């Protein structure tokens, strides 16, 4: 299978990238990012794009792919709702529209996060925006759309792009996995679940940590 992948300069996207490159079922990965991901592999192609909103629906560089794993995202800390919405909702939906125009039979997988608010009416700004993004994607006519809601994730060996906080709390994963097994997973499990869902017949649209582990 051939995969479009975003967020490869971030912790989640890079972890998914490493598993895709190692997985025999994946034959090609197109990393679409604002800067190079820092990895070299015969399966890997890179499309450097400073602003995803500049993408055009007729861009054939995104043509011929089986799925898109959208792992790009930022923290809402310090951002007003309008700015966070532009980066999180507007950018994701525009990117999805381009992928859909070029690959109408593709599977689209979006990484949101545990606590995302499907009602779009809760107190948490980031959860509302993520919920709106999930809901809008689900209504798009892809072959299938899945919204991943991972919790605490263990990085994959060899990752270069780790969240600053992870460097201090990553060692806690074994303990957290025992205490809250349905709130923790490895990034390798996240990626394996994504790869499986490209061709699996799975009815749920929202994929929790428990389901991520089962699919992996």
N, C-alpha and C. Protein backbone atom coordinates (compact mmCIF):
# COMPACT_ATOMS: atom_id res chain seq x y z
N UNK A 1 0.84 -1.19 0.00
CA UNK A 1 0.00 0.00 0.00
C UNK A 1 0.88 1.26 0.00
N UNK A 2 0.33 2.34 -0.53
CA UNK A 2 1.03 3.61 -0.60
C UNK A 2 0.33 4.62 0.31
N UNK A 3 1.12 5.28 1.15
CA UNK A 3 0.57 6.11 2.21
C UNK A 3 1.05 7.56 2.10
N UNK A 4 0.12 8.50 2.25
CA UNK A 4 0.46 9.91 2.48
C UNK A 4 0.51 10.11 3.99
N UNK A 5 1.56 10.75 4.48
CA UNK A 5 1.73 10.93 5.92
C UNK A 5 2.12 12.37 6.23
N UNK A 6 1.43 12.97 7.18
CA UNK A 6 1.79 14.31 7.65
C UNK A 6 2.29 14.23 9.08
N UNK A 7 2.99 15.28 9.51
CA UNK A 7 3.45 15.35 10.89
C UNK A 7 4.73 14.61 11.18
N UNK A 8 5.51 14.30 10.15
CA UNK A 8 6.71 13.48 10.35
C UNK A 8 7.83 14.20 11.08
N UNK A 9 7.71 15.51 11.27
CA UNK A 9 8.69 16.22 12.08
C UNK A 9 8.22 16.36 13.53
N UNK A 10 7.11 15.73 13.85
CA UNK A 10 6.60 15.68 15.22
C UNK A 10 6.70 14.27 15.77
N UNK A 11 6.46 14.12 17.05
CA UNK A 11 6.65 12.83 17.71
C UNK A 11 5.71 11.75 17.16
N UNK A 12 4.44 12.06 17.02
CA UNK A 12 3.47 11.05 16.57
C UNK A 12 3.74 10.66 15.12
N UNK A 13 3.85 11.66 14.26
CA UNK A 13 4.07 11.39 12.85
C UNK A 13 5.36 10.64 12.58
N UNK A 14 6.42 10.99 13.32
CA UNK A 14 7.69 10.31 13.12
C UNK A 14 7.58 8.85 13.57
N UNK A 15 6.90 8.61 14.68
CA UNK A 15 6.73 7.23 15.13
C UNK A 15 5.96 6.40 14.12
N UNK A 16 4.92 6.99 13.53
CA UNK A 16 4.14 6.30 12.50
C UNK A 16 5.01 6.08 11.26
N UNK A 17 5.81 7.07 10.91
CA UNK A 17 6.70 6.95 9.75
C UNK A 17 7.65 5.76 9.90
N UNK A 18 8.28 5.64 11.05
CA UNK A 18 9.26 4.56 11.25
C UNK A 18 8.62 3.19 11.09
N UNK A 19 7.40 3.03 11.60
CA UNK A 19 6.72 1.74 11.45
C UNK A 19 6.32 1.51 10.00
N UNK A 20 5.87 2.54 9.30
CA UNK A 20 5.49 2.40 7.90
C UNK A 20 6.70 1.98 7.05
N UNK A 21 7.84 2.56 7.35
CA UNK A 21 9.05 2.23 6.58
C UNK A 21 9.51 0.81 6.87
N UNK A 22 9.24 0.33 8.08
CA UNK A 22 9.66 -1.03 8.45
C UNK A 22 8.63 -2.09 8.05
N UNK A 23 7.40 -1.67 7.78
CA UNK A 23 6.32 -2.62 7.54
C UNK A 23 6.31 -3.12 6.10
N UNK A 24 6.33 -4.42 5.88
CA UNK A 24 6.40 -4.96 4.52
C UNK A 24 5.16 -4.69 3.67
N UNK A 25 4.03 -4.38 4.32
CA UNK A 25 2.80 -4.10 3.57
C UNK A 25 2.80 -2.69 2.98
N UNK A 26 3.66 -1.82 3.48
CA UNK A 26 3.75 -0.45 2.97
C UNK A 26 4.88 -0.37 1.95
N UNK A 27 4.55 0.04 0.74
CA UNK A 27 5.55 0.09 -0.32
C UNK A 27 6.08 1.50 -0.57
N UNK A 28 5.30 2.51 -0.19
CA UNK A 28 5.74 3.89 -0.39
C UNK A 28 5.09 4.81 0.64
N UNK A 29 5.86 5.77 1.11
CA UNK A 29 5.35 6.79 2.02
C UNK A 29 5.69 8.16 1.44
N UNK A 30 4.68 9.00 1.29
CA UNK A 30 4.89 10.39 0.89
C UNK A 30 4.73 11.26 2.12
N UNK A 31 5.83 11.79 2.62
CA UNK A 31 5.78 12.70 3.77
C UNK A 31 5.52 14.11 3.26
N UNK A 32 4.40 14.68 3.66
CA UNK A 32 4.08 16.06 3.33
C UNK A 32 4.28 16.89 4.58
N UNK A 33 5.25 17.78 4.54
CA UNK A 33 5.64 18.49 5.75
C UNK A 33 6.21 19.86 5.40
N UNK A 34 6.33 20.69 6.43
CA UNK A 34 6.88 22.02 6.23
C UNK A 34 8.39 22.03 6.12
N UNK A 35 9.01 20.95 6.57
CA UNK A 35 10.47 20.82 6.49
C UNK A 35 10.84 19.35 6.41
N UNK A 36 12.07 19.02 6.01
CA UNK A 36 12.47 17.61 5.89
C UNK A 36 12.33 16.86 7.21
N UNK A 37 11.98 15.59 7.11
CA UNK A 37 11.73 14.80 8.32
C UNK A 37 13.02 14.28 8.96
N UNK A 38 14.12 14.28 8.22
CA UNK A 38 15.38 13.84 8.79
C UNK A 38 15.67 12.37 8.63
N UNK A 39 14.86 11.68 7.84
CA UNK A 39 15.07 10.25 7.61
C UNK A 39 15.26 9.99 6.11
N UNK A 40 16.03 8.98 5.80
CA UNK A 40 16.27 8.59 4.41
C UNK A 40 15.94 7.11 4.27
N UNK A 41 15.14 6.78 3.26
CA UNK A 41 14.74 5.39 3.05
C UNK A 41 14.26 5.26 1.60
N UNK A 42 14.48 4.11 1.01
CA UNK A 42 14.07 3.90 -0.38
C UNK A 42 12.55 3.99 -0.57
N UNK A 43 11.78 3.75 0.49
CA UNK A 43 10.32 3.85 0.41
C UNK A 43 9.82 5.29 0.55
N UNK A 44 10.68 6.17 1.04
CA UNK A 44 10.24 7.50 1.46
C UNK A 44 10.41 8.55 0.37
N UNK A 45 9.32 9.30 0.13
CA UNK A 45 9.37 10.50 -0.70
C UNK A 45 8.93 11.68 0.17
N UNK A 46 9.48 12.87 -0.13
CA UNK A 46 9.12 14.04 0.66
C UNK A 46 8.58 15.15 -0.24
N UNK A 47 7.55 15.79 0.25
CA UNK A 47 6.93 16.94 -0.41
C UNK A 47 6.96 18.06 0.62
N UNK A 48 7.87 19.01 0.44
CA UNK A 48 8.02 20.11 1.39
C UNK A 48 7.07 21.23 1.02
N UNK A 49 6.22 21.59 1.96
CA UNK A 49 5.17 22.58 1.71
C UNK A 49 5.02 23.47 2.94
N UNK A 50 5.44 24.74 2.85
CA UNK A 50 5.39 25.63 4.02
C UNK A 50 4.00 25.83 4.61
N UNK A 51 2.97 25.83 3.77
CA UNK A 51 1.61 26.06 4.25
C UNK A 51 0.66 25.10 3.54
N UNK A 52 0.05 24.19 4.29
CA UNK A 52 -0.87 23.21 3.70
C UNK A 52 -2.06 23.88 3.02
N UNK A 53 -2.41 25.07 3.44
CA UNK A 53 -3.55 25.77 2.84
C UNK A 53 -3.25 26.22 1.42
N UNK A 54 -1.98 26.16 1.01
CA UNK A 54 -1.60 26.51 -0.36
C UNK A 54 -1.81 25.35 -1.33
N UNK A 55 -2.11 24.17 -0.83
CA UNK A 55 -2.33 23.01 -1.70
C UNK A 55 -3.55 23.24 -2.61
N UNK A 56 -3.43 22.77 -3.84
CA UNK A 56 -4.52 22.86 -4.80
C UNK A 56 -5.10 21.46 -5.03
N UNK A 57 -6.40 21.38 -5.27
CA UNK A 57 -7.04 20.08 -5.45
C UNK A 57 -6.53 19.35 -6.69
N UNK A 58 -5.95 20.08 -7.62
CA UNK A 58 -5.42 19.44 -8.83
C UNK A 58 -3.96 19.02 -8.69
N UNK A 59 -3.41 19.09 -7.49
CA UNK A 59 -2.01 18.74 -7.26
C UNK A 59 -1.81 17.23 -7.41
N UNK A 60 -1.23 16.82 -8.53
CA UNK A 60 -1.09 15.40 -8.83
C UNK A 60 0.03 14.72 -8.03
N UNK A 61 0.79 15.48 -7.27
CA UNK A 61 1.81 14.86 -6.45
C UNK A 61 1.20 14.03 -5.32
N UNK A 62 -0.09 14.27 -5.04
CA UNK A 62 -0.79 13.50 -4.03
C UNK A 62 -1.67 12.42 -4.64
N UNK A 63 -1.48 12.14 -5.91
CA UNK A 63 -2.31 11.17 -6.61
C UNK A 63 -1.73 9.76 -6.52
N UNK A 64 -2.62 8.78 -6.42
CA UNK A 64 -2.19 7.38 -6.49
C UNK A 64 -1.90 6.74 -5.16
N UNK A 65 -2.55 7.21 -4.08
CA UNK A 65 -2.29 6.68 -2.75
C UNK A 65 -3.52 5.98 -2.18
N UNK A 66 -3.25 4.99 -1.35
CA UNK A 66 -4.33 4.19 -0.75
C UNK A 66 -4.90 4.81 0.52
N UNK A 67 -4.09 5.59 1.20
CA UNK A 67 -4.53 6.15 2.48
C UNK A 67 -3.73 7.39 2.83
N UNK A 68 -4.32 8.17 3.72
CA UNK A 68 -3.62 9.32 4.31
C UNK A 68 -3.69 9.19 5.82
N UNK A 69 -2.53 9.23 6.46
CA UNK A 69 -2.45 9.24 7.92
C UNK A 69 -2.11 10.68 8.33
N UNK A 70 -3.09 11.40 8.82
CA UNK A 70 -2.88 12.81 9.16
C UNK A 70 -2.49 12.93 10.63
N UNK A 71 -1.20 13.08 10.87
CA UNK A 71 -0.65 13.12 12.23
C UNK A 71 -0.15 14.51 12.62
N UNK A 72 -0.29 15.48 11.74
CA UNK A 72 0.17 16.83 12.04
C UNK A 72 -0.75 17.48 13.08
N UNK A 73 -0.18 18.31 13.91
CA UNK A 73 -0.98 19.01 14.90
C UNK A 73 -0.11 19.79 15.86
N UNK A 74 -0.73 20.70 16.59
CA UNK A 74 0.00 21.52 17.56
C UNK A 74 -0.78 21.59 18.86
N UNK A 75 -0.10 22.01 19.90
CA UNK A 75 -0.76 22.25 21.19
C UNK A 75 -1.58 23.53 21.11
N UNK A 76 -2.66 23.55 21.87
CA UNK A 76 -3.50 24.76 21.91
C UNK A 76 -3.01 25.78 22.93
N UNK A 77 -1.97 25.43 23.68
CA UNK A 77 -1.47 26.30 24.74
C UNK A 77 -1.02 27.64 24.15
N UNK A 78 -1.58 28.72 24.68
CA UNK A 78 -1.19 30.06 24.25
C UNK A 78 -1.89 30.56 23.00
N UNK A 79 -2.77 29.74 22.42
CA UNK A 79 -3.46 30.13 21.19
C UNK A 79 -4.91 30.49 21.47
N UNK A 80 -5.40 31.50 20.75
CA UNK A 80 -6.82 31.82 20.81
C UNK A 80 -7.58 30.85 19.92
N UNK A 81 -8.88 30.71 20.17
CA UNK A 81 -9.66 29.72 19.45
C UNK A 81 -9.62 29.93 17.94
N UNK A 82 -9.66 31.17 17.50
CA UNK A 82 -9.64 31.45 16.05
C UNK A 82 -8.36 30.94 15.41
N UNK A 83 -7.23 31.19 16.06
CA UNK A 83 -5.94 30.75 15.52
C UNK A 83 -5.82 29.23 15.56
N UNK A 84 -6.23 28.64 16.67
CA UNK A 84 -6.14 27.18 16.79
C UNK A 84 -7.07 26.50 15.78
N UNK A 85 -8.23 27.09 15.54
CA UNK A 85 -9.17 26.55 14.57
C UNK A 85 -8.58 26.60 13.16
N UNK A 86 -7.92 27.67 12.83
CA UNK A 86 -7.31 27.79 11.50
C UNK A 86 -6.26 26.71 11.28
N UNK A 87 -5.43 26.50 12.30
CA UNK A 87 -4.35 25.54 12.17
C UNK A 87 -4.85 24.10 12.23
N UNK A 88 -5.80 23.86 13.12
CA UNK A 88 -6.26 22.48 13.35
C UNK A 88 -7.41 22.08 12.44
N UNK A 89 -8.45 22.89 12.37
CA UNK A 89 -9.62 22.53 11.57
C UNK A 89 -9.44 22.89 10.09
N UNK A 90 -9.19 24.16 9.81
CA UNK A 90 -9.11 24.61 8.42
C UNK A 90 -8.04 23.87 7.63
N UNK A 91 -6.86 23.74 8.22
CA UNK A 91 -5.75 23.10 7.53
C UNK A 91 -6.03 21.62 7.28
N UNK A 92 -6.55 20.93 8.28
CA UNK A 92 -6.83 19.50 8.13
C UNK A 92 -7.90 19.24 7.07
N UNK A 93 -8.98 20.00 7.12
CA UNK A 93 -10.07 19.79 6.18
C UNK A 93 -9.64 20.13 4.76
N UNK A 94 -8.87 21.20 4.60
CA UNK A 94 -8.39 21.55 3.26
C UNK A 94 -7.48 20.44 2.72
N UNK A 95 -6.59 19.94 3.55
CA UNK A 95 -5.70 18.86 3.13
C UNK A 95 -6.51 17.63 2.74
N UNK A 96 -7.53 17.32 3.53
CA UNK A 96 -8.38 16.16 3.24
C UNK A 96 -9.10 16.35 1.92
N UNK A 97 -9.54 17.55 1.62
CA UNK A 97 -10.24 17.82 0.36
C UNK A 97 -9.32 17.57 -0.84
N UNK A 98 -8.05 17.95 -0.70
CA UNK A 98 -7.09 17.72 -1.78
C UNK A 98 -6.83 16.23 -1.95
N UNK A 99 -6.63 15.53 -0.84
CA UNK A 99 -6.40 14.08 -0.91
C UNK A 99 -7.61 13.39 -1.55
N UNK A 100 -8.80 13.79 -1.16
CA UNK A 100 -10.02 13.19 -1.70
C UNK A 100 -10.15 13.44 -3.20
N UNK A 101 -9.82 14.65 -3.64
CA UNK A 101 -9.90 14.97 -5.07
C UNK A 101 -8.97 14.09 -5.89
N UNK A 102 -7.81 13.75 -5.34
CA UNK A 102 -6.82 12.95 -6.06
C UNK A 102 -6.99 11.44 -5.83
N UNK A 103 -7.62 11.09 -4.71
CA UNK A 103 -7.73 9.66 -4.34
C UNK A 103 -9.12 9.39 -3.76
N UNK A 104 -10.16 9.37 -4.59
CA UNK A 104 -11.52 9.22 -4.07
C UNK A 104 -11.79 7.91 -3.36
N UNK A 105 -10.93 6.91 -3.55
CA UNK A 105 -11.12 5.62 -2.88
C UNK A 105 -10.16 5.42 -1.71
N UNK A 106 -9.58 6.51 -1.24
CA UNK A 106 -8.60 6.41 -0.17
C UNK A 106 -9.27 6.31 1.20
N UNK A 107 -8.49 5.81 2.16
CA UNK A 107 -8.88 5.80 3.57
C UNK A 107 -8.17 6.97 4.25
N UNK A 108 -8.91 7.74 5.03
CA UNK A 108 -8.33 8.89 5.72
C UNK A 108 -8.35 8.63 7.22
N UNK A 109 -7.18 8.71 7.85
CA UNK A 109 -7.07 8.48 9.30
C UNK A 109 -6.51 9.75 9.95
N UNK A 110 -7.26 10.25 10.92
CA UNK A 110 -6.91 11.50 11.60
C UNK A 110 -6.58 11.23 13.06
N UNK A 111 -5.48 11.77 13.52
CA UNK A 111 -5.10 11.64 14.93
C UNK A 111 -5.58 12.86 15.69
N UNK A 112 -6.55 12.66 16.57
CA UNK A 112 -7.04 13.77 17.40
C UNK A 112 -6.49 13.61 18.80
N UNK A 113 -7.13 12.80 19.63
CA UNK A 113 -6.60 12.58 20.96
C UNK A 113 -7.69 12.24 21.95
N UNK A 114 -7.31 11.57 23.02
CA UNK A 114 -8.25 11.24 24.08
C UNK A 114 -8.83 12.53 24.65
N UNK A 115 -10.12 12.56 24.88
CA UNK A 115 -10.77 13.74 25.41
C UNK A 115 -11.40 14.63 24.37
N UNK A 116 -11.26 14.27 23.10
CA UNK A 116 -11.88 15.05 22.03
C UNK A 116 -13.39 15.08 22.22
N UNK A 117 -14.00 16.24 21.96
CA UNK A 117 -15.42 16.48 22.25
C UNK A 117 -16.25 16.39 20.97
N UNK A 118 -16.92 15.27 20.78
CA UNK A 118 -17.73 15.07 19.57
C UNK A 118 -18.95 15.98 19.53
N UNK A 119 -19.39 16.50 20.68
CA UNK A 119 -20.56 17.37 20.70
C UNK A 119 -20.22 18.77 20.20
N UNK A 120 -18.94 19.14 20.25
CA UNK A 120 -18.45 20.47 19.85
C UNK A 120 -18.96 21.57 20.78
N UNK A 121 -19.49 21.20 21.93
CA UNK A 121 -20.11 22.19 22.82
C UNK A 121 -19.49 22.24 24.21
N UNK A 122 -18.44 21.49 24.46
CA UNK A 122 -17.86 21.45 25.79
C UNK A 122 -17.05 22.67 26.14
N UNK A 123 -16.53 22.68 27.36
CA UNK A 123 -15.76 23.83 27.85
C UNK A 123 -14.37 23.90 27.23
N UNK A 124 -13.78 22.76 26.94
CA UNK A 124 -12.40 22.73 26.46
C UNK A 124 -12.32 23.15 24.99
N UNK A 125 -11.61 24.24 24.74
CA UNK A 125 -11.51 24.77 23.38
C UNK A 125 -10.90 23.78 22.42
N UNK A 126 -9.76 23.18 22.80
CA UNK A 126 -9.08 22.28 21.88
C UNK A 126 -9.95 21.06 21.58
N UNK A 127 -10.69 20.58 22.59
CA UNK A 127 -11.52 19.39 22.41
C UNK A 127 -12.68 19.68 21.47
N UNK A 128 -13.24 20.89 21.56
CA UNK A 128 -14.33 21.28 20.65
C UNK A 128 -13.83 21.34 19.21
N UNK A 129 -12.68 21.97 19.01
CA UNK A 129 -12.14 22.12 17.66
C UNK A 129 -11.78 20.76 17.07
N UNK A 130 -11.15 19.91 17.88
CA UNK A 130 -10.82 18.56 17.41
C UNK A 130 -12.10 17.78 17.08
N UNK A 131 -13.13 17.95 17.91
CA UNK A 131 -14.40 17.27 17.66
C UNK A 131 -15.04 17.73 16.36
N UNK A 132 -14.99 19.03 16.11
CA UNK A 132 -15.52 19.57 14.85
C UNK A 132 -14.75 19.01 13.67
N UNK A 133 -13.44 18.88 13.83
CA UNK A 133 -12.60 18.33 12.76
C UNK A 133 -12.97 16.88 12.49
N UNK A 134 -13.08 16.09 13.55
CA UNK A 134 -13.48 14.69 13.40
C UNK A 134 -14.83 14.58 12.69
N UNK A 135 -15.80 15.34 13.15
CA UNK A 135 -17.16 15.25 12.61
C UNK A 135 -17.19 15.62 11.13
N UNK A 136 -16.44 16.66 10.76
CA UNK A 136 -16.42 17.09 9.37
C UNK A 136 -15.75 16.05 8.48
N UNK A 137 -14.64 15.49 8.96
CA UNK A 137 -13.96 14.46 8.19
C UNK A 137 -14.85 13.25 7.98
N UNK A 138 -15.59 12.87 9.01
CA UNK A 138 -16.43 11.67 8.94
C UNK A 138 -17.51 11.81 7.88
N UNK A 139 -17.93 13.03 7.60
CA UNK A 139 -18.97 13.26 6.60
C UNK A 139 -18.42 13.33 5.17
N UNK A 140 -17.10 13.33 5.03
CA UNK A 140 -16.51 13.40 3.69
C UNK A 140 -16.55 12.03 3.03
N UNK A 141 -16.74 11.99 1.70
CA UNK A 141 -16.97 10.71 1.00
C UNK A 141 -15.72 9.90 0.67
N UNK A 142 -14.84 9.76 1.64
CA UNK A 142 -13.70 8.84 1.49
C UNK A 142 -14.22 7.41 1.51
N UNK A 143 -13.39 6.47 1.12
CA UNK A 143 -13.74 5.06 1.26
C UNK A 143 -14.07 4.78 2.71
N UNK A 144 -13.21 5.25 3.61
CA UNK A 144 -13.45 5.16 5.05
C UNK A 144 -12.71 6.30 5.74
N UNK A 145 -13.23 6.73 6.88
CA UNK A 145 -12.57 7.72 7.73
C UNK A 145 -12.53 7.17 9.15
N UNK A 146 -11.34 7.25 9.76
CA UNK A 146 -11.18 6.83 11.15
C UNK A 146 -10.53 7.95 11.93
N UNK A 147 -11.02 8.18 13.14
CA UNK A 147 -10.46 9.19 14.03
C UNK A 147 -9.80 8.51 15.22
N UNK A 148 -8.49 8.63 15.30
CA UNK A 148 -7.73 7.99 16.38
C UNK A 148 -7.67 8.91 17.59
N UNK A 149 -7.93 8.31 18.77
CA UNK A 149 -7.86 9.07 20.01
C UNK A 149 -6.89 8.39 20.98
N UNK A 150 -5.60 8.48 20.68
CA UNK A 150 -4.61 7.87 21.57
C UNK A 150 -4.46 8.66 22.87
N UNK A 151 -3.88 8.02 23.87
CA UNK A 151 -3.57 8.70 25.12
C UNK A 151 -2.07 8.91 25.21
N UNK A 152 -1.47 8.44 26.29
CA UNK A 152 -0.02 8.53 26.45
C UNK A 152 0.64 7.51 25.53
N UNK A 153 1.60 7.95 24.73
CA UNK A 153 2.23 7.06 23.76
C UNK A 153 3.73 6.92 24.01
N UNK A 154 4.20 5.69 23.97
CA UNK A 154 5.63 5.41 24.09
C UNK A 154 6.30 5.60 22.74
N UNK A 155 7.37 6.35 22.71
CA UNK A 155 8.09 6.60 21.47
C UNK A 155 8.77 5.34 20.96
N UNK A 156 9.09 5.33 19.67
CA UNK A 156 9.78 4.22 19.03
C UNK A 156 11.28 4.47 19.06
N UNK A 157 12.07 3.43 19.25
CA UNK A 157 13.52 3.58 19.22
C UNK A 157 13.96 4.21 17.90
N UNK A 158 14.86 5.16 18.01
CA UNK A 158 15.37 5.83 16.81
C UNK A 158 14.68 7.13 16.48
N UNK A 159 13.68 7.52 17.28
CA UNK A 159 12.99 8.78 17.00
C UNK A 159 13.88 9.97 17.33
N UNK A 160 13.81 10.99 16.47
CA UNK A 160 14.58 12.21 16.66
C UNK A 160 13.72 13.36 17.18
N UNK A 161 12.42 13.26 16.93
CA UNK A 161 11.52 14.37 17.25
C UNK A 161 10.61 13.98 18.41
N UNK A 162 11.06 14.27 19.61
CA UNK A 162 10.29 13.96 20.80
C UNK A 162 9.76 15.23 21.45
N UNK A 163 8.57 15.14 22.02
CA UNK A 163 8.06 16.27 22.78
C UNK A 163 8.99 16.55 23.96
N UNK A 164 9.25 17.82 24.25
CA UNK A 164 10.18 18.14 25.35
C UNK A 164 9.81 17.44 26.66
N UNK A 165 8.52 17.41 26.96
CA UNK A 165 8.08 16.78 28.22
C UNK A 165 8.34 15.29 28.21
N UNK A 166 8.28 14.66 27.03
CA UNK A 166 8.45 13.21 26.96
C UNK A 166 9.83 12.78 27.44
N UNK A 167 10.81 13.64 27.25
CA UNK A 167 12.17 13.30 27.66
C UNK A 167 12.28 13.09 29.16
N UNK A 168 11.30 13.68 29.89
CA UNK A 168 11.33 13.57 31.35
C UNK A 168 10.35 12.54 31.90
N UNK A 169 9.30 12.23 31.14
CA UNK A 169 8.28 11.32 31.66
C UNK A 169 8.17 10.01 30.87
N UNK A 170 8.95 9.88 29.80
CA UNK A 170 8.87 8.67 28.99
C UNK A 170 9.14 7.40 29.78
N UNK A 171 9.99 7.51 30.79
CA UNK A 171 10.34 6.33 31.60
C UNK A 171 9.14 5.78 32.36
N UNK A 172 8.06 6.58 32.47
CA UNK A 172 6.89 6.17 33.23
C UNK A 172 5.98 5.21 32.47
N UNK A 173 6.26 5.00 31.18
CA UNK A 173 5.33 4.20 30.36
C UNK A 173 5.02 2.82 30.94
N UNK A 174 6.01 2.02 31.35
CA UNK A 174 5.67 0.68 31.88
C UNK A 174 4.70 0.73 33.05
N UNK A 175 4.90 1.71 33.94
CA UNK A 175 4.02 1.85 35.10
C UNK A 175 2.62 2.28 34.68
N UNK A 176 2.55 3.27 33.79
CA UNK A 176 1.25 3.76 33.33
C UNK A 176 0.50 2.69 32.56
N UNK A 177 1.23 1.87 31.85
CA UNK A 177 0.58 0.81 31.06
C UNK A 177 -0.07 -0.23 31.97
N UNK A 178 0.45 -0.38 33.18
CA UNK A 178 -0.15 -1.28 34.16
C UNK A 178 -1.33 -0.61 34.85
N UNK A 179 -1.15 0.65 35.22
CA UNK A 179 -2.18 1.36 35.98
C UNK A 179 -3.37 1.77 35.12
N UNK A 180 -3.09 2.25 33.90
CA UNK A 180 -4.17 2.70 33.00
C UNK A 180 -3.94 2.11 31.60
N UNK A 181 -4.14 0.81 31.45
CA UNK A 181 -3.86 0.16 30.17
C UNK A 181 -4.68 0.69 29.01
N UNK A 182 -5.87 1.22 29.31
CA UNK A 182 -6.71 1.77 28.23
C UNK A 182 -6.43 3.25 27.98
N UNK A 183 -5.32 3.73 28.57
CA UNK A 183 -4.93 5.12 28.33
C UNK A 183 -3.52 5.24 27.79
N UNK A 184 -2.88 4.10 27.54
CA UNK A 184 -1.49 4.11 27.07
C UNK A 184 -1.30 3.12 25.92
N UNK A 185 -0.40 3.47 25.03
CA UNK A 185 -0.03 2.56 23.94
C UNK A 185 1.35 2.97 23.45
N UNK A 186 1.90 2.16 22.56
CA UNK A 186 3.14 2.56 21.91
C UNK A 186 2.80 3.20 20.57
N UNK A 187 3.71 4.02 20.07
CA UNK A 187 3.50 4.59 18.74
C UNK A 187 3.54 3.50 17.67
N UNK A 188 4.27 2.45 17.93
CA UNK A 188 4.29 1.32 17.00
C UNK A 188 2.90 0.69 16.90
N UNK A 189 2.20 0.57 18.03
CA UNK A 189 0.84 0.03 18.01
C UNK A 189 -0.10 0.96 17.25
N UNK A 190 0.06 2.26 17.45
CA UNK A 190 -0.77 3.23 16.73
C UNK A 190 -0.60 3.06 15.22
N UNK A 191 0.65 2.98 14.79
CA UNK A 191 0.94 2.84 13.36
C UNK A 191 0.43 1.52 12.80
N UNK A 192 0.62 0.43 13.53
CA UNK A 192 0.16 -0.87 13.06
C UNK A 192 -1.36 -0.90 12.93
N UNK A 193 -2.05 -0.25 13.86
CA UNK A 193 -3.51 -0.17 13.78
C UNK A 193 -3.94 0.63 12.55
N UNK A 194 -3.24 1.71 12.27
CA UNK A 194 -3.54 2.50 11.07
C UNK A 194 -3.37 1.67 9.81
N UNK A 195 -2.25 0.98 9.72
CA UNK A 195 -1.96 0.18 8.53
C UNK A 195 -3.02 -0.91 8.34
N UNK A 196 -3.43 -1.53 9.42
CA UNK A 196 -4.44 -2.59 9.33
C UNK A 196 -5.77 -2.03 8.84
N UNK A 197 -6.12 -0.81 9.27
CA UNK A 197 -7.42 -0.25 8.92
C UNK A 197 -7.53 0.21 7.47
N UNK A 198 -6.42 0.25 6.77
CA UNK A 198 -6.49 0.61 5.35
C UNK A 198 -7.32 -0.42 4.58
N UNK A 199 -7.24 -1.68 4.98
CA UNK A 199 -7.98 -2.72 4.27
C UNK A 199 -8.96 -3.49 5.16
N UNK A 200 -8.93 -3.27 6.46
CA UNK A 200 -9.83 -4.01 7.36
C UNK A 200 -11.25 -3.47 7.27
N UNK A 201 -12.20 -4.33 7.57
CA UNK A 201 -13.61 -3.93 7.63
C UNK A 201 -13.96 -3.68 9.09
N UNK A 202 -13.85 -2.41 9.50
CA UNK A 202 -14.07 -2.04 10.90
C UNK A 202 -15.16 -0.98 10.95
N UNK A 203 -16.17 -1.19 11.78
CA UNK A 203 -17.35 -0.34 11.75
C UNK A 203 -17.20 0.96 12.53
N UNK A 204 -16.42 0.94 13.59
CA UNK A 204 -16.30 2.15 14.41
C UNK A 204 -15.48 3.22 13.71
N UNK A 205 -15.88 4.47 13.87
CA UNK A 205 -15.16 5.59 13.27
C UNK A 205 -14.18 6.22 14.26
N UNK A 206 -14.50 6.11 15.55
CA UNK A 206 -13.63 6.64 16.59
C UNK A 206 -12.86 5.48 17.20
N UNK A 207 -11.53 5.56 17.13
CA UNK A 207 -10.67 4.47 17.56
C UNK A 207 -10.00 4.84 18.87
N UNK A 208 -10.40 4.18 19.94
CA UNK A 208 -9.87 4.44 21.27
C UNK A 208 -8.56 3.69 21.47
N UNK A 209 -7.91 3.92 22.61
CA UNK A 209 -6.66 3.23 22.92
C UNK A 209 -6.88 1.72 22.97
N UNK A 210 -7.96 1.28 23.58
CA UNK A 210 -8.26 -0.15 23.65
C UNK A 210 -8.34 -0.76 22.26
N UNK A 211 -8.98 -0.06 21.34
CA UNK A 211 -9.13 -0.56 19.98
C UNK A 211 -7.83 -0.48 19.20
N UNK A 212 -7.04 0.56 19.48
CA UNK A 212 -5.71 0.66 18.85
C UNK A 212 -4.89 -0.58 19.17
N UNK A 213 -4.88 -0.97 20.43
CA UNK A 213 -4.10 -2.14 20.84
C UNK A 213 -4.62 -3.42 20.21
N UNK A 214 -5.95 -3.55 20.16
CA UNK A 214 -6.54 -4.76 19.58
C UNK A 214 -6.23 -4.86 18.09
N UNK A 215 -6.34 -3.77 17.38
CA UNK A 215 -6.05 -3.75 15.95
C UNK A 215 -4.58 -4.01 15.68
N UNK A 216 -3.71 -3.47 16.53
CA UNK A 216 -2.26 -3.67 16.35
C UNK A 216 -1.89 -5.13 16.55
